[in-house]
């Protein structure tokens, strides 16, 4: 048996709840912007998670597992 560990953001997406992506990645992106030190990977991740949230809050039904698989290339 393999134990699977999912991040809290992943768990939120799987259950279509509001994530804490702004509190997690926003704490990296915002200071980076103010210091003129871009954090493009974190900014893209925030954007993609927000898009996922917008889809399920807008009533669009997507398979959450496929959505999470789409995010894996960011690792």
N, C-alpha and C. Protein backbone atom coordinates (compact mmCIF):
# COMPACT_ATOMS: atom_id res chain seq x y z
N UNK A 1 0.84 -1.18 0.00
CA UNK A 1 0.00 0.00 0.00
C UNK A 1 0.88 1.24 0.00
N UNK A 2 0.55 2.19 -0.86
CA UNK A 2 1.30 3.43 -0.94
C UNK A 2 0.49 4.55 -0.31
N UNK A 3 1.10 5.23 0.63
CA UNK A 3 0.45 6.40 1.19
C UNK A 3 0.64 7.56 0.24
N UNK A 4 -0.39 8.33 0.04
CA UNK A 4 -0.33 9.48 -0.84
C UNK A 4 -0.50 10.72 0.01
N UNK A 5 0.42 11.64 -0.16
CA UNK A 5 0.37 12.88 0.59
C UNK A 5 -0.04 14.00 -0.37
N UNK A 6 -1.11 14.70 -0.05
CA UNK A 6 -1.57 15.82 -0.87
C UNK A 6 -1.39 17.11 -0.08
N UNK A 7 -0.92 18.13 -0.76
CA UNK A 7 -0.81 19.44 -0.12
C UNK A 7 -2.20 19.95 0.23
N UNK A 8 -2.26 20.93 1.11
CA UNK A 8 -3.56 21.49 1.50
C UNK A 8 -4.26 22.13 0.30
N UNK A 9 -3.50 22.77 -0.60
CA UNK A 9 -4.09 23.36 -1.80
C UNK A 9 -4.69 22.25 -2.67
N UNK A 10 -3.96 21.16 -2.83
CA UNK A 10 -4.45 20.03 -3.59
C UNK A 10 -5.73 19.47 -2.98
N UNK A 11 -5.76 19.32 -1.68
CA UNK A 11 -6.95 18.83 -0.99
C UNK A 11 -8.13 19.77 -1.22
N UNK A 12 -7.88 21.08 -1.15
CA UNK A 12 -8.94 22.06 -1.39
C UNK A 12 -9.49 21.95 -2.81
N UNK A 13 -8.61 21.80 -3.79
CA UNK A 13 -9.03 21.67 -5.18
C UNK A 13 -9.87 20.40 -5.36
N UNK A 14 -9.41 19.31 -4.77
CA UNK A 14 -10.13 18.05 -4.91
C UNK A 14 -11.55 18.13 -4.34
N UNK A 15 -11.74 18.95 -3.34
CA UNK A 15 -13.07 19.09 -2.72
C UNK A 15 -13.75 20.39 -3.12
N UNK A 16 -13.18 21.08 -4.09
CA UNK A 16 -13.70 22.33 -4.64
C UNK A 16 -13.95 23.38 -3.56
N UNK A 17 -12.96 23.55 -2.70
CA UNK A 17 -13.01 24.60 -1.68
C UNK A 17 -12.07 25.72 -2.07
N UNK A 18 -12.29 26.89 -1.49
CA UNK A 18 -11.39 28.02 -1.67
C UNK A 18 -10.02 27.63 -1.12
N UNK A 19 -8.97 27.86 -1.90
CA UNK A 19 -7.62 27.50 -1.45
C UNK A 19 -6.98 28.68 -0.71
N UNK A 20 -5.84 28.41 -0.12
CA UNK A 20 -5.08 29.46 0.55
C UNK A 20 -3.86 29.85 -0.28
N UNK A 21 -4.00 29.74 -1.60
CA UNK A 21 -2.88 30.01 -2.50
C UNK A 21 -2.34 31.44 -2.34
N UNK A 22 -3.23 32.39 -2.10
CA UNK A 22 -2.76 33.78 -1.92
C UNK A 22 -1.92 33.92 -0.65
N UNK A 23 -2.34 33.24 0.40
CA UNK A 23 -1.60 33.32 1.66
C UNK A 23 -0.26 32.61 1.57
N UNK A 24 -0.19 31.56 0.75
CA UNK A 24 1.06 30.80 0.63
C UNK A 24 1.98 31.43 -0.41
N UNK A 25 1.56 31.42 -1.66
CA UNK A 25 2.41 31.94 -2.73
C UNK A 25 2.40 33.46 -2.80
N UNK A 26 1.33 34.08 -2.33
CA UNK A 26 1.28 35.54 -2.31
C UNK A 26 2.37 36.12 -1.42
N UNK A 27 2.73 35.37 -0.38
CA UNK A 27 3.79 35.83 0.53
C UNK A 27 5.17 35.77 -0.12
N UNK A 28 5.24 35.16 -1.29
CA UNK A 28 6.48 35.13 -2.07
C UNK A 28 6.41 36.14 -3.21
N UNK A 29 5.27 36.16 -3.90
CA UNK A 29 5.12 37.00 -5.09
C UNK A 29 5.12 38.49 -4.72
N UNK A 30 4.34 38.87 -3.72
CA UNK A 30 4.21 40.29 -3.37
C UNK A 30 5.54 40.94 -2.97
N UNK A 31 6.31 40.35 -2.06
CA UNK A 31 7.61 40.96 -1.73
C UNK A 31 8.55 40.98 -2.94
N UNK A 32 8.49 39.94 -3.76
CA UNK A 32 9.32 39.91 -4.95
C UNK A 32 9.02 41.08 -5.87
N UNK A 33 7.73 41.38 -6.04
CA UNK A 33 7.35 42.52 -6.88
C UNK A 33 7.84 43.82 -6.28
N UNK A 34 7.67 44.00 -4.99
CA UNK A 34 8.10 45.26 -4.37
C UNK A 34 9.61 45.43 -4.35
N UNK A 35 10.35 44.33 -4.40
CA UNK A 35 11.82 44.38 -4.43
C UNK A 35 12.37 44.30 -5.84
N UNK A 36 11.48 44.36 -6.84
CA UNK A 36 11.86 44.23 -8.24
C UNK A 36 12.64 42.94 -8.49
N UNK A 37 12.18 41.87 -7.83
CA UNK A 37 12.78 40.55 -7.97
C UNK A 37 11.66 39.57 -8.32
N UNK A 38 11.37 39.42 -9.61
CA UNK A 38 10.23 38.60 -10.03
C UNK A 38 10.31 37.15 -9.55
N UNK A 39 9.16 36.60 -9.30
CA UNK A 39 9.04 35.19 -8.92
C UNK A 39 8.04 34.55 -9.88
N UNK A 40 8.43 34.35 -11.13
CA UNK A 40 7.49 33.95 -12.17
C UNK A 40 6.83 32.58 -11.94
N UNK A 41 7.54 31.64 -11.39
CA UNK A 41 6.94 30.31 -11.17
C UNK A 41 5.83 30.41 -10.14
N UNK A 42 6.09 31.15 -9.06
CA UNK A 42 5.06 31.32 -8.04
C UNK A 42 3.87 32.11 -8.58
N UNK A 43 4.13 33.11 -9.40
CA UNK A 43 3.05 33.90 -9.99
C UNK A 43 2.18 33.05 -10.92
N UNK A 44 2.81 32.20 -11.73
CA UNK A 44 2.06 31.32 -12.63
C UNK A 44 1.25 30.31 -11.82
N UNK A 45 1.84 29.76 -10.79
CA UNK A 45 1.12 28.81 -9.95
C UNK A 45 -0.12 29.46 -9.33
N UNK A 46 0.03 30.67 -8.81
CA UNK A 46 -1.12 31.39 -8.26
C UNK A 46 -2.19 31.58 -9.32
N UNK A 47 -1.78 31.98 -10.49
CA UNK A 47 -2.72 32.22 -11.58
C UNK A 47 -3.48 30.95 -11.96
N UNK A 48 -2.76 29.84 -12.05
CA UNK A 48 -3.40 28.57 -12.44
C UNK A 48 -4.35 28.07 -11.37
N UNK A 49 -3.97 28.19 -10.11
CA UNK A 49 -4.87 27.75 -9.03
C UNK A 49 -6.10 28.64 -8.98
N UNK A 50 -5.93 29.94 -9.15
CA UNK A 50 -7.10 30.83 -9.19
C UNK A 50 -8.03 30.47 -10.34
N UNK A 51 -7.47 30.12 -11.49
CA UNK A 51 -8.29 29.72 -12.64
C UNK A 51 -9.08 28.46 -12.30
N UNK A 52 -8.46 27.52 -11.62
CA UNK A 52 -9.16 26.31 -11.20
C UNK A 52 -10.30 26.67 -10.26
N UNK A 53 -10.02 27.53 -9.28
CA UNK A 53 -11.06 27.96 -8.34
C UNK A 53 -12.21 28.64 -9.08
N UNK A 54 -11.89 29.49 -10.03
CA UNK A 54 -12.93 30.19 -10.79
C UNK A 54 -13.80 29.21 -11.56
N UNK A 55 -13.19 28.14 -12.05
CA UNK A 55 -13.97 27.14 -12.78
C UNK A 55 -14.96 26.42 -11.87
N UNK A 56 -14.53 26.02 -10.69
CA UNK A 56 -15.50 25.29 -9.88
C UNK A 56 -16.47 26.21 -9.16
N UNK A 57 -16.10 27.45 -8.90
CA UNK A 57 -17.08 28.36 -8.29
C UNK A 57 -18.06 28.87 -9.33
N UNK A 58 -17.68 28.83 -10.60
CA UNK A 58 -18.59 29.24 -11.67
C UNK A 58 -19.52 28.10 -12.08
N UNK A 59 -19.38 26.95 -11.44
CA UNK A 59 -20.25 25.83 -11.74
C UNK A 59 -19.74 24.93 -12.84
N UNK A 60 -18.52 25.16 -13.32
CA UNK A 60 -17.95 24.29 -14.34
C UNK A 60 -17.49 23.02 -13.64
N UNK A 61 -17.93 21.89 -14.12
CA UNK A 61 -17.53 20.63 -13.50
C UNK A 61 -16.38 20.03 -14.28
N UNK A 62 -15.25 19.89 -13.58
CA UNK A 62 -14.05 19.29 -14.17
C UNK A 62 -13.58 18.20 -13.25
N UNK A 63 -12.90 17.28 -13.79
CA UNK A 63 -12.31 16.24 -12.98
C UNK A 63 -11.10 16.83 -12.26
N UNK A 64 -11.18 16.91 -10.94
CA UNK A 64 -10.13 17.55 -10.15
C UNK A 64 -8.80 16.81 -10.29
N UNK A 65 -8.84 15.51 -10.42
CA UNK A 65 -7.60 14.76 -10.59
C UNK A 65 -6.87 15.17 -11.87
N UNK A 66 -7.60 15.34 -12.96
CA UNK A 66 -6.97 15.78 -14.21
C UNK A 66 -6.42 17.19 -14.08
N UNK A 67 -7.12 18.03 -13.36
CA UNK A 67 -6.66 19.39 -13.14
C UNK A 67 -5.35 19.38 -12.37
N UNK A 68 -5.28 18.57 -11.33
CA UNK A 68 -4.05 18.49 -10.55
C UNK A 68 -2.90 17.91 -11.37
N UNK A 69 -3.20 16.94 -12.23
CA UNK A 69 -2.16 16.39 -13.10
C UNK A 69 -1.60 17.48 -14.01
N UNK A 70 -2.44 18.40 -14.43
CA UNK A 70 -2.00 19.48 -15.30
C UNK A 70 -1.02 20.40 -14.58
N UNK A 71 -1.12 20.48 -13.26
CA UNK A 71 -0.22 21.33 -12.50
C UNK A 71 1.13 20.67 -12.22
N UNK A 72 1.21 19.37 -12.30
CA UNK A 72 2.44 18.65 -11.98
C UNK A 72 3.65 19.09 -12.77
N UNK A 73 3.52 19.49 -14.05
CA UNK A 73 4.73 19.94 -14.76
C UNK A 73 5.41 21.14 -14.12
N UNK A 74 4.73 21.85 -13.22
CA UNK A 74 5.35 23.00 -12.57
C UNK A 74 6.37 22.59 -11.52
N UNK A 75 6.39 21.34 -11.16
CA UNK A 75 7.34 20.89 -10.13
C UNK A 75 8.76 20.99 -10.60
